[in-house]
Amino acid sequence: MPPEVLASLFATATAPVRSDLPPAPSGGRDSVWIAGVVRGVPGVPTGAYLYERGAHALVATRGVDAARAVLYAAKSPMLADECRTATASLVVCGDPRGGIVAYGDRWYRMLNIAAGTAVQRVALAAAAAGLDSHVHCDFDLTGIADALALPAPLTPLVLVTVGRAAPDRTDPQLPLRGTITSERDSD
């Protein structure tokens, strides 16, 4: 993956989103951040990084050992395999408690909508660059946070692997047996 493609993944995922929701109560910080393990990108040493949107810069958080640490945090063989071969294993992070005082229980929804938007933007930017991606939630929260050396209060919310899938790779998920076209069809 060329460095400019990696840069566009981070920038696209963290671009501001127009919303009818009030701004995050994080003292000027974004509600979601992108961190991850990057490998095989020219000019970017293999390791864990946190993306600083304002500076459009990657801040190293852990060295090459982060790549192995992410594997141990995977809760499925599929995720471990993808993290082993992906050019980037990107993690959308946020502070699940940061908005509770200001927004109460709505904060959970607000934060996860922002996280979902960010991860979908990563997937779309990857596809536009001719890369494959796969969204995961099958990881150990503490394990991923430790692997990426995330600063408090950031917590992993969702992970997306990005790279080129092997030609023989298939998604092992089972096909749906039928299609429900309306609620009436499910009776």
N, C-alpha and C. Protein backbone atom coordinates (compact mmCIF):
# COMPACT_ATOMS: atom_id res chain seq x y z
N MET A 1 0.85 -1.17 0.00
CA MET A 1 0.00 0.00 0.00
C MET A 1 0.90 1.23 0.00
N PRO A 2 0.69 2.13 -0.93
CA PRO A 2 1.48 3.37 -0.93
C PRO A 2 1.13 4.25 0.28
N PRO A 3 2.09 5.04 0.77
CA PRO A 3 1.83 5.88 1.94
C PRO A 3 0.66 6.85 1.75
N GLU A 4 0.48 7.34 0.53
CA GLU A 4 -0.62 8.29 0.31
C GLU A 4 -1.99 7.62 0.44
N VAL A 5 -2.07 6.32 0.14
CA VAL A 5 -3.33 5.59 0.34
C VAL A 5 -3.59 5.43 1.83
N LEU A 6 -2.55 5.09 2.59
CA LEU A 6 -2.70 4.99 4.04
C LEU A 6 -3.15 6.33 4.62
N ALA A 7 -2.54 7.41 4.16
CA ALA A 7 -2.91 8.74 4.64
C ALA A 7 -4.37 9.05 4.32
N SER A 8 -4.83 8.65 3.13
CA SER A 8 -6.23 8.93 2.78
C SER A 8 -7.20 8.10 3.62
N LEU A 9 -6.80 6.88 4.00
CA LEU A 9 -7.66 6.07 4.87
C LEU A 9 -7.90 6.78 6.20
N PHE A 10 -6.81 7.26 6.81
CA PHE A 10 -6.92 7.95 8.09
C PHE A 10 -7.71 9.25 7.96
N ALA A 11 -7.39 10.05 6.95
CA ALA A 11 -8.06 11.34 6.78
C ALA A 11 -9.54 11.17 6.48
N THR A 12 -9.87 10.22 5.62
CA THR A 12 -11.27 9.99 5.27
C THR A 12 -12.07 9.51 6.47
N ALA A 13 -11.50 8.60 7.24
CA ALA A 13 -12.21 8.04 8.39
C ALA A 13 -12.49 9.07 9.47
N THR A 14 -11.62 10.04 9.61
CA THR A 14 -11.75 10.99 10.73
C THR A 14 -12.27 12.36 10.31
N ALA A 15 -12.65 12.51 9.05
CA ALA A 15 -13.18 13.80 8.60
C ALA A 15 -14.46 14.12 9.38
N PRO A 16 -14.68 15.39 9.66
CA PRO A 16 -15.90 15.76 10.40
C PRO A 16 -17.16 15.30 9.67
N VAL A 17 -18.16 14.97 10.43
CA VAL A 17 -19.44 14.50 9.90
C VAL A 17 -20.51 15.52 10.26
N ARG A 18 -21.29 15.94 9.27
CA ARG A 18 -22.41 16.82 9.58
C ARG A 18 -23.44 16.02 10.35
N SER A 19 -23.93 16.59 11.41
CA SER A 19 -24.84 15.85 12.27
C SER A 19 -25.79 16.79 12.98
N ASP A 20 -26.93 16.25 13.35
CA ASP A 20 -27.86 17.03 14.16
C ASP A 20 -27.58 16.83 15.65
N LEU A 21 -26.57 16.04 15.96
CA LEU A 21 -26.20 15.81 17.36
C LEU A 21 -25.29 16.92 17.84
N PRO A 22 -25.33 17.23 19.13
CA PRO A 22 -24.42 18.24 19.67
C PRO A 22 -22.97 17.75 19.61
N PRO A 23 -22.01 18.68 19.66
CA PRO A 23 -20.61 18.26 19.60
C PRO A 23 -20.23 17.41 20.80
N ALA A 24 -19.19 16.60 20.60
CA ALA A 24 -18.70 15.73 21.68
C ALA A 24 -18.19 16.58 22.83
N PRO A 25 -18.42 16.14 24.06
CA PRO A 25 -17.99 16.90 25.24
C PRO A 25 -16.55 16.59 25.63
N SER A 26 -15.67 16.56 24.66
CA SER A 26 -14.32 16.09 24.93
C SER A 26 -13.30 17.22 24.98
N GLY A 27 -13.76 18.42 25.23
CA GLY A 27 -12.82 19.53 25.33
C GLY A 27 -12.06 19.79 24.04
N GLY A 28 -12.75 19.70 22.92
CA GLY A 28 -12.11 19.95 21.64
C GLY A 28 -11.56 18.71 20.97
N ARG A 29 -11.50 17.59 21.69
CA ARG A 29 -11.03 16.34 21.09
C ARG A 29 -12.13 15.74 20.24
N ASP A 30 -11.73 14.97 19.26
CA ASP A 30 -12.70 14.26 18.44
C ASP A 30 -13.34 13.16 19.27
N SER A 31 -14.57 12.77 18.92
CA SER A 31 -15.22 11.70 19.68
C SER A 31 -14.64 10.34 19.32
N VAL A 32 -14.18 10.17 18.08
CA VAL A 32 -13.52 8.92 17.71
C VAL A 32 -12.14 9.22 17.13
N TRP A 33 -11.24 8.31 17.39
CA TRP A 33 -9.86 8.37 16.91
C TRP A 33 -9.56 7.06 16.19
N ILE A 34 -8.55 7.09 15.33
CA ILE A 34 -8.12 5.88 14.64
C ILE A 34 -6.71 5.54 15.10
N ALA A 35 -6.54 4.30 15.51
CA ALA A 35 -5.23 3.77 15.86
C ALA A 35 -5.07 2.48 15.07
N GLY A 36 -3.90 1.90 15.09
CA GLY A 36 -3.76 0.62 14.42
C GLY A 36 -2.33 0.20 14.21
N VAL A 37 -2.21 -1.02 13.72
CA VAL A 37 -0.92 -1.57 13.35
C VAL A 37 -0.78 -1.44 11.85
N VAL A 38 0.36 -0.90 11.43
CA VAL A 38 0.65 -0.71 10.01
C VAL A 38 1.90 -1.51 9.70
N ARG A 39 1.90 -2.19 8.55
CA ARG A 39 3.08 -2.94 8.11
C ARG A 39 3.15 -2.92 6.58
N GLY A 40 4.35 -2.92 6.07
CA GLY A 40 4.54 -3.00 4.63
C GLY A 40 4.19 -1.74 3.88
N VAL A 41 4.22 -0.60 4.53
CA VAL A 41 3.97 0.68 3.86
C VAL A 41 5.32 1.39 3.74
N PRO A 42 5.76 1.67 2.51
CA PRO A 42 7.06 2.33 2.34
C PRO A 42 7.17 3.62 3.16
N GLY A 43 8.25 3.73 3.91
CA GLY A 43 8.50 4.93 4.70
C GLY A 43 7.83 4.95 6.06
N VAL A 44 7.03 3.92 6.36
CA VAL A 44 6.35 3.85 7.66
C VAL A 44 6.82 2.56 8.34
N PRO A 45 7.61 2.68 9.40
CA PRO A 45 8.08 1.47 10.09
C PRO A 45 6.91 0.66 10.65
N THR A 46 7.02 -0.66 10.58
CA THR A 46 5.98 -1.52 11.15
C THR A 46 5.83 -1.22 12.63
N GLY A 47 4.58 -1.04 13.06
CA GLY A 47 4.31 -0.76 14.46
C GLY A 47 2.91 -0.24 14.65
N ALA A 48 2.63 0.18 15.87
CA ALA A 48 1.32 0.73 16.23
C ALA A 48 1.38 2.25 16.20
N TYR A 49 0.29 2.85 15.76
CA TYR A 49 0.21 4.31 15.62
C TYR A 49 -1.16 4.80 16.07
N LEU A 50 -1.19 6.05 16.47
CA LEU A 50 -2.42 6.78 16.73
C LEU A 50 -2.43 7.95 15.75
N TYR A 51 -3.53 8.11 15.04
CA TYR A 51 -3.63 9.18 14.05
C TYR A 51 -4.10 10.46 14.72
N GLU A 52 -3.32 11.53 14.56
CA GLU A 52 -3.68 12.87 15.06
C GLU A 52 -4.27 13.65 13.88
N ARG A 53 -5.60 13.77 13.88
CA ARG A 53 -6.28 14.39 12.74
C ARG A 53 -5.85 15.83 12.51
N GLY A 54 -5.74 16.63 13.57
CA GLY A 54 -5.39 18.04 13.43
C GLY A 54 -4.04 18.25 12.76
N ALA A 55 -3.09 17.40 13.06
CA ALA A 55 -1.74 17.50 12.48
C ALA A 55 -1.59 16.62 11.25
N HIS A 56 -2.61 15.80 10.94
CA HIS A 56 -2.54 14.81 9.87
C HIS A 56 -1.23 14.03 9.98
N ALA A 57 -1.04 13.44 11.17
CA ALA A 57 0.22 12.75 11.45
C ALA A 57 -0.03 11.45 12.21
N LEU A 58 0.83 10.48 11.96
CA LEU A 58 0.82 9.25 12.73
C LEU A 58 1.79 9.41 13.89
N VAL A 59 1.33 9.09 15.08
CA VAL A 59 2.16 9.15 16.27
C VAL A 59 2.43 7.71 16.70
N ALA A 60 3.70 7.32 16.69
CA ALA A 60 4.06 5.95 17.07
C ALA A 60 3.71 5.72 18.54
N THR A 61 3.05 4.59 18.81
CA THR A 61 2.70 4.24 20.19
C THR A 61 3.39 2.96 20.65
N ARG A 62 3.80 2.14 19.70
CA ARG A 62 4.47 0.88 20.04
C ARG A 62 5.21 0.40 18.80
N GLY A 63 6.29 -0.32 19.00
CA GLY A 63 7.12 -0.79 17.91
C GLY A 63 6.58 -2.02 17.21
N VAL A 64 7.48 -2.71 16.53
CA VAL A 64 7.13 -3.85 15.70
C VAL A 64 6.44 -4.96 16.50
N ASP A 65 6.68 -5.05 17.79
CA ASP A 65 6.04 -6.09 18.61
C ASP A 65 4.52 -5.91 18.70
N ALA A 66 4.01 -4.76 18.33
CA ALA A 66 2.56 -4.53 18.33
C ALA A 66 1.86 -5.47 17.36
N ALA A 67 2.52 -5.80 16.24
CA ALA A 67 1.90 -6.68 15.25
C ALA A 67 1.58 -8.04 15.87
N ARG A 68 2.48 -8.58 16.65
CA ARG A 68 2.24 -9.87 17.30
C ARG A 68 1.21 -9.71 18.43
N ALA A 69 1.27 -8.62 19.16
CA ALA A 69 0.34 -8.41 20.28
C ALA A 69 -1.11 -8.34 19.80
N VAL A 70 -1.35 -7.77 18.63
CA VAL A 70 -2.71 -7.69 18.09
C VAL A 70 -3.24 -9.10 17.81
N LEU A 71 -2.38 -10.00 17.35
CA LEU A 71 -2.81 -11.38 17.08
C LEU A 71 -3.35 -12.04 18.34
N TYR A 72 -2.70 -11.81 19.46
CA TYR A 72 -3.13 -12.42 20.72
C TYR A 72 -4.45 -11.85 21.22
N ALA A 73 -4.81 -10.67 20.77
CA ALA A 73 -6.07 -10.06 21.20
C ALA A 73 -7.25 -10.50 20.34
N ALA A 74 -6.97 -11.17 19.21
CA ALA A 74 -8.05 -11.65 18.34
C ALA A 74 -8.79 -12.79 19.03
N LYS A 75 -10.12 -12.76 18.93
CA LYS A 75 -10.93 -13.82 19.52
C LYS A 75 -11.39 -14.83 18.49
N SER A 76 -10.98 -14.67 17.24
CA SER A 76 -11.34 -15.64 16.22
C SER A 76 -10.12 -15.92 15.35
N PRO A 77 -10.02 -17.16 14.83
CA PRO A 77 -8.91 -17.47 13.93
C PRO A 77 -8.92 -16.59 12.67
N MET A 78 -10.13 -16.23 12.21
CA MET A 78 -10.23 -15.39 11.01
C MET A 78 -9.59 -14.03 11.26
N LEU A 79 -9.90 -13.41 12.39
CA LEU A 79 -9.32 -12.10 12.68
C LEU A 79 -7.81 -12.22 12.86
N ALA A 80 -7.35 -13.23 13.56
CA ALA A 80 -5.91 -13.41 13.75
C ALA A 80 -5.21 -13.56 12.41
N ASP A 81 -5.80 -14.34 11.50
CA ASP A 81 -5.22 -14.53 10.17
C ASP A 81 -5.19 -13.23 9.39
N GLU A 82 -6.28 -12.47 9.45
CA GLU A 82 -6.32 -11.20 8.73
C GLU A 82 -5.33 -10.20 9.30
N CYS A 83 -5.21 -10.13 10.62
CA CYS A 83 -4.24 -9.21 11.24
C CYS A 83 -2.81 -9.60 10.91
N ARG A 84 -2.57 -10.89 10.71
CA ARG A 84 -1.24 -11.38 10.36
C ARG A 84 -0.83 -10.94 8.96
N THR A 85 -1.81 -10.81 8.05
CA THR A 85 -1.48 -10.53 6.65
C THR A 85 -1.90 -9.14 6.17
N ALA A 86 -2.71 -8.43 6.92
CA ALA A 86 -3.21 -7.12 6.49
C ALA A 86 -2.11 -6.07 6.51
N THR A 87 -2.18 -5.15 5.58
CA THR A 87 -1.27 -4.01 5.59
C THR A 87 -1.57 -3.11 6.78
N ALA A 88 -2.85 -2.99 7.11
CA ALA A 88 -3.25 -2.16 8.24
C ALA A 88 -4.39 -2.84 8.99
N SER A 89 -4.25 -2.90 10.29
CA SER A 89 -5.34 -3.34 11.18
C SER A 89 -5.72 -2.09 11.97
N LEU A 90 -6.77 -1.42 11.50
CA LEU A 90 -7.14 -0.12 12.06
C LEU A 90 -8.25 -0.28 13.09
N VAL A 91 -8.12 0.45 14.18
CA VAL A 91 -9.07 0.36 15.28
C VAL A 91 -9.68 1.74 15.54
N VAL A 92 -10.99 1.81 15.46
CA VAL A 92 -11.70 3.04 15.81
C VAL A 92 -11.85 3.03 17.33
N CYS A 93 -11.42 4.11 17.96
CA CYS A 93 -11.40 4.22 19.43
C CYS A 93 -12.20 5.43 19.87
N GLY A 94 -12.64 5.38 21.10
CA GLY A 94 -13.35 6.51 21.69
C GLY A 94 -13.36 6.39 23.20
N ASP A 95 -14.00 7.34 23.83
CA ASP A 95 -14.12 7.35 25.28
C ASP A 95 -15.58 7.07 25.65
N PRO A 96 -15.91 5.82 25.98
CA PRO A 96 -17.30 5.47 26.26
C PRO A 96 -17.91 6.20 27.46
N ARG A 97 -17.09 6.73 28.33
CA ARG A 97 -17.62 7.42 29.51
C ARG A 97 -17.57 8.94 29.36
N GLY A 98 -16.87 9.43 28.35
CA GLY A 98 -16.61 10.85 28.22
C GLY A 98 -17.82 11.74 28.05
N GLY A 99 -18.90 11.22 27.53
CA GLY A 99 -20.08 12.05 27.30
C GLY A 99 -21.26 11.72 28.18
N ILE A 100 -21.07 10.83 29.12
CA ILE A 100 -22.20 10.41 29.95
C ILE A 100 -22.76 11.56 30.78
N VAL A 101 -21.89 12.39 31.35
CA VAL A 101 -22.37 13.50 32.18
C VAL A 101 -23.21 14.46 31.33
N ALA A 102 -22.72 14.78 30.13
CA ALA A 102 -23.42 15.74 29.28
C ALA A 102 -24.66 15.15 28.61
N TYR A 103 -24.60 13.87 28.20
CA TYR A 103 -25.66 13.31 27.35
C TYR A 103 -26.36 12.09 27.93
N GLY A 104 -25.91 11.62 29.08
CA GLY A 104 -26.55 10.45 29.67
C GLY A 104 -26.38 9.22 28.80
N ASP A 105 -27.39 8.39 28.80
CA ASP A 105 -27.33 7.13 28.05
C ASP A 105 -27.25 7.33 26.54
N ARG A 106 -27.63 8.52 26.05
CA ARG A 106 -27.52 8.78 24.61
C ARG A 106 -26.08 8.73 24.13
N TRP A 107 -25.12 8.97 25.03
CA TRP A 107 -23.72 9.02 24.62
C TRP A 107 -23.28 7.71 23.97
N TYR A 108 -23.75 6.58 24.49
CA TYR A 108 -23.39 5.28 23.92
C TYR A 108 -23.78 5.23 22.44
N ARG A 109 -25.00 5.66 22.15
CA ARG A 109 -25.48 5.67 20.76
C ARG A 109 -24.69 6.66 19.92
N MET A 110 -24.48 7.85 20.46
CA MET A 110 -23.75 8.88 19.71
C MET A 110 -22.34 8.41 19.35
N LEU A 111 -21.64 7.83 20.31
CA LEU A 111 -20.27 7.38 20.08
C LEU A 111 -20.22 6.24 19.08
N ASN A 112 -21.15 5.31 19.19
CA ASN A 112 -21.14 4.17 18.28
C ASN A 112 -21.60 4.53 16.88
N ILE A 113 -22.44 5.53 16.73
CA ILE A 113 -22.77 6.03 15.39
C ILE A 113 -21.52 6.63 14.76
N ALA A 114 -20.79 7.42 15.52
CA ALA A 114 -19.54 8.01 15.00
C ALA A 114 -18.53 6.93 14.65
N ALA A 115 -18.43 5.89 15.48
CA ALA A 115 -17.50 4.79 15.20
C ALA A 115 -17.92 4.04 13.94
N GLY A 116 -19.21 3.78 13.80
CA GLY A 116 -19.70 3.10 12.60
C GLY A 116 -19.45 3.90 11.34
N THR A 117 -19.64 5.21 11.43
CA THR A 117 -19.36 6.08 10.29
C THR A 117 -17.89 6.01 9.92
N ALA A 118 -17.01 6.07 10.91
CA ALA A 118 -15.57 6.03 10.64
C ALA A 118 -15.16 4.71 10.00
N VAL A 119 -15.65 3.60 10.51
CA VAL A 119 -15.24 2.31 9.97
C VAL A 119 -15.80 2.10 8.56
N GLN A 120 -17.00 2.59 8.29
CA GLN A 120 -17.54 2.49 6.93
C GLN A 120 -16.74 3.36 5.97
N ARG A 121 -16.29 4.51 6.43
CA ARG A 121 -15.45 5.36 5.59
C ARG A 121 -14.12 4.68 5.28
N VAL A 122 -13.54 3.98 6.25
CA VAL A 122 -12.31 3.22 5.98
C VAL A 122 -12.58 2.18 4.90
N ALA A 123 -13.67 1.43 5.03
CA ALA A 123 -13.99 0.40 4.05
C ALA A 123 -14.21 0.99 2.66
N LEU A 124 -14.90 2.12 2.58
CA LEU A 124 -15.13 2.76 1.28
C LEU A 124 -13.85 3.31 0.68
N ALA A 125 -13.01 3.93 1.50
CA ALA A 125 -11.73 4.46 1.00
C ALA A 125 -10.83 3.32 0.55
N ALA A 126 -10.85 2.20 1.27
CA ALA A 126 -10.06 1.04 0.87
C ALA A 126 -10.54 0.51 -0.48
N ALA A 127 -11.85 0.38 -0.64
CA ALA A 127 -12.40 -0.10 -1.91
C ALA A 127 -12.04 0.83 -3.06
N ALA A 128 -12.10 2.14 -2.81
CA ALA A 128 -11.75 3.11 -3.85
C ALA A 128 -10.29 2.98 -4.26
N ALA A 129 -9.45 2.51 -3.34
CA ALA A 129 -8.02 2.32 -3.64
C ALA A 129 -7.73 0.91 -4.16
N GLY A 130 -8.77 0.11 -4.37
CA GLY A 130 -8.59 -1.25 -4.87
C GLY A 130 -8.16 -2.25 -3.81
N LEU A 131 -8.40 -1.92 -2.54
CA LEU A 131 -8.02 -2.80 -1.44
C LEU A 131 -9.25 -3.47 -0.83
N ASP A 132 -9.01 -4.56 -0.15
CA ASP A 132 -10.07 -5.26 0.56
C ASP A 132 -10.10 -4.81 2.01
N SER A 133 -11.24 -4.96 2.66
CA SER A 133 -11.35 -4.63 4.08
C SER A 133 -12.38 -5.55 4.71
N HIS A 134 -12.27 -5.69 6.02
CA HIS A 134 -13.21 -6.54 6.76
C HIS A 134 -13.37 -5.97 8.16
N VAL A 135 -14.60 -5.69 8.54
CA VAL A 135 -14.90 -5.09 9.84
C VAL A 135 -15.08 -6.20 10.88
N HIS A 136 -14.50 -5.98 12.06
CA HIS A 136 -14.55 -6.98 13.14
C HIS A 136 -14.88 -6.34 14.48
N CYS A 137 -15.55 -7.12 15.30
CA CYS A 137 -15.74 -6.78 16.72
C CYS A 137 -15.32 -7.95 17.60
N ASP A 138 -14.68 -8.95 17.00
CA ASP A 138 -14.31 -10.18 17.71
C ASP A 138 -12.89 -10.10 18.26
N PHE A 139 -12.70 -9.15 19.18
CA PHE A 139 -11.38 -8.97 19.79
C PHE A 139 -11.54 -8.65 21.26
N ASP A 140 -10.46 -8.88 22.01
CA ASP A 140 -10.43 -8.56 23.43
C ASP A 140 -10.10 -7.07 23.58
N LEU A 141 -10.99 -6.33 24.22
CA LEU A 141 -10.82 -4.87 24.35
C LEU A 141 -9.50 -4.50 25.03
N THR A 142 -9.22 -5.13 26.16
CA THR A 142 -7.99 -4.81 26.88
C THR A 142 -6.77 -5.23 26.08
N GLY A 143 -6.85 -6.39 25.43
CA GLY A 143 -5.73 -6.87 24.62
C GLY A 143 -5.39 -5.93 23.47
N ILE A 144 -6.41 -5.43 22.77
CA ILE A 144 -6.17 -4.49 21.67
C ILE A 144 -5.66 -3.17 22.21
N ALA A 145 -6.24 -2.68 23.29
CA ALA A 145 -5.78 -1.41 23.88
C ALA A 145 -4.31 -1.52 24.28
N ASP A 146 -3.93 -2.64 24.89
CA ASP A 146 -2.53 -2.84 25.27
C ASP A 146 -1.63 -2.99 24.05
N ALA A 147 -2.09 -3.74 23.05
CA ALA A 147 -1.29 -3.96 21.84
C ALA A 147 -0.97 -2.64 21.14
N LEU A 148 -1.93 -1.71 21.17
CA LEU A 148 -1.75 -0.43 20.50
C LEU A 148 -1.20 0.64 21.43
N ALA A 149 -1.04 0.30 22.71
CA ALA A 149 -0.59 1.26 23.73
C ALA A 149 -1.44 2.52 23.68
N LEU A 150 -2.76 2.32 23.69
CA LEU A 150 -3.69 3.46 23.62
C LEU A 150 -3.62 4.29 24.89
N PRO A 151 -3.58 5.60 24.74
CA PRO A 151 -3.62 6.45 25.93
C PRO A 151 -5.04 6.48 26.51
N ALA A 152 -5.13 6.56 27.82
CA ALA A 152 -6.44 6.70 28.46
C ALA A 152 -7.01 8.05 28.05
N PRO A 153 -8.27 8.16 27.84
CA PRO A 153 -9.35 7.22 28.10
C PRO A 153 -9.80 6.45 26.86
N LEU A 154 -8.98 6.44 25.79
CA LEU A 154 -9.41 5.80 24.55
C LEU A 154 -9.61 4.30 24.76
N THR A 155 -10.71 3.80 24.20
CA THR A 155 -11.09 2.39 24.27
C THR A 155 -11.39 1.91 22.86
N PRO A 156 -10.92 0.72 22.48
CA PRO A 156 -11.24 0.18 21.15
C PRO A 156 -12.75 -0.04 21.02
N LEU A 157 -13.30 0.34 19.87
CA LEU A 157 -14.73 0.17 19.61
C LEU A 157 -14.98 -0.83 18.49
N VAL A 158 -14.21 -0.75 17.41
CA VAL A 158 -14.38 -1.63 16.25
C VAL A 158 -13.06 -1.65 15.49
N LEU A 159 -12.78 -2.76 14.81
CA LEU A 159 -11.52 -2.95 14.09
C LEU A 159 -11.83 -3.25 12.64
N VAL A 160 -11.00 -2.75 11.73
CA VAL A 160 -11.14 -3.08 10.31
C VAL A 160 -9.76 -3.42 9.76
N THR A 161 -9.66 -4.58 9.12
CA THR A 161 -8.41 -4.96 8.46
C THR A 161 -8.45 -4.45 7.03
N VAL A 162 -7.30 -3.98 6.54
CA VAL A 162 -7.22 -3.42 5.20
C VAL A 162 -5.98 -3.99 4.52
N GLY A 163 -6.14 -4.39 3.28
CA GLY A 163 -5.03 -4.91 2.48
C GLY A 163 -5.57 -5.63 1.27
N ARG A 164 -4.74 -6.44 0.67
CA ARG A 164 -5.19 -7.24 -0.46
C ARG A 164 -5.43 -8.67 0.02
N ALA A 165 -6.64 -9.15 -0.17
CA ALA A 165 -6.96 -10.52 0.22
C ALA A 165 -6.28 -11.48 -0.73
N ALA A 166 -5.83 -12.61 -0.21
CA ALA A 166 -5.25 -13.65 -1.06
C ALA A 166 -6.31 -14.10 -2.06
N PRO A 167 -5.90 -14.42 -3.30
CA PRO A 167 -6.88 -14.79 -4.32
C PRO A 167 -7.76 -15.98 -3.93
N ASP A 168 -7.22 -16.89 -3.13
CA ASP A 168 -7.98 -18.07 -2.75
C ASP A 168 -8.77 -17.87 -1.46
N ARG A 169 -8.73 -16.68 -0.91
CA ARG A 169 -9.40 -16.40 0.37
C ARG A 169 -10.90 -16.27 0.14
N THR A 170 -11.66 -16.95 0.95
CA THR A 170 -13.11 -16.81 0.91
C THR A 170 -13.58 -16.44 2.30
N ASP A 171 -14.70 -15.78 2.37
CA ASP A 171 -15.27 -15.42 3.65
C ASP A 171 -16.02 -16.63 4.17
N PRO A 172 -15.62 -17.15 5.33
CA PRO A 172 -16.23 -18.39 5.81
C PRO A 172 -17.62 -18.24 6.44
N GLN A 173 -18.20 -17.06 6.35
CA GLN A 173 -19.53 -16.89 6.93
C GLN A 173 -20.54 -17.71 6.15
N LEU A 174 -21.52 -18.21 6.85
CA LEU A 174 -22.53 -19.05 6.22
C LEU A 174 -23.52 -18.19 5.44
N PRO A 175 -23.99 -18.68 4.28
CA PRO A 175 -24.98 -17.92 3.52
C PRO A 175 -26.33 -17.95 4.24
N LEU A 176 -27.11 -16.91 4.02
CA LEU A 176 -28.47 -16.90 4.56
C LEU A 176 -29.30 -17.93 3.82
N ARG A 177 -30.17 -18.61 4.52
CA ARG A 177 -30.98 -19.66 3.91
C ARG A 177 -32.20 -19.10 3.17
N GLY A 178 -32.61 -17.93 3.49
CA GLY A 178 -33.76 -17.33 2.84
C GLY A 178 -33.70 -15.83 2.98
N THR A 179 -34.53 -15.16 2.26
CA THR A 179 -34.54 -13.71 2.31
C THR A 179 -35.89 -13.25 2.83
N ILE A 180 -35.87 -12.39 3.81
CA ILE A 180 -37.10 -11.81 4.33
C ILE A 180 -37.27 -10.46 3.64
N THR A 181 -38.37 -10.30 2.93
CA THR A 181 -38.59 -9.05 2.20
C THR A 181 -39.47 -8.08 2.97
N SER A 182 -40.19 -8.57 3.96
CA SER A 182 -40.99 -7.69 4.80
C SER A 182 -41.24 -8.40 6.13
N GLU A 183 -41.72 -7.65 7.10
CA GLU A 183 -42.03 -8.26 8.39
C GLU A 183 -43.11 -9.32 8.27
N ARG A 184 -44.03 -9.16 7.33
CA ARG A 184 -45.10 -10.15 7.15
C ARG A 184 -44.54 -11.49 6.71
N ASP A 185 -43.43 -11.48 5.93
CA ASP A 185 -42.84 -12.73 5.46
C ASP A 185 -42.23 -13.55 6.59
N SER A 186 -41.97 -12.93 7.73
CA SER A 186 -41.31 -13.65 8.82
C SER A 186 -42.30 -14.37 9.74
N ASP A 187 -43.60 -14.22 9.51
CA ASP A 187 -44.61 -14.89 10.36
C ASP A 187 -44.70 -16.36 10.08
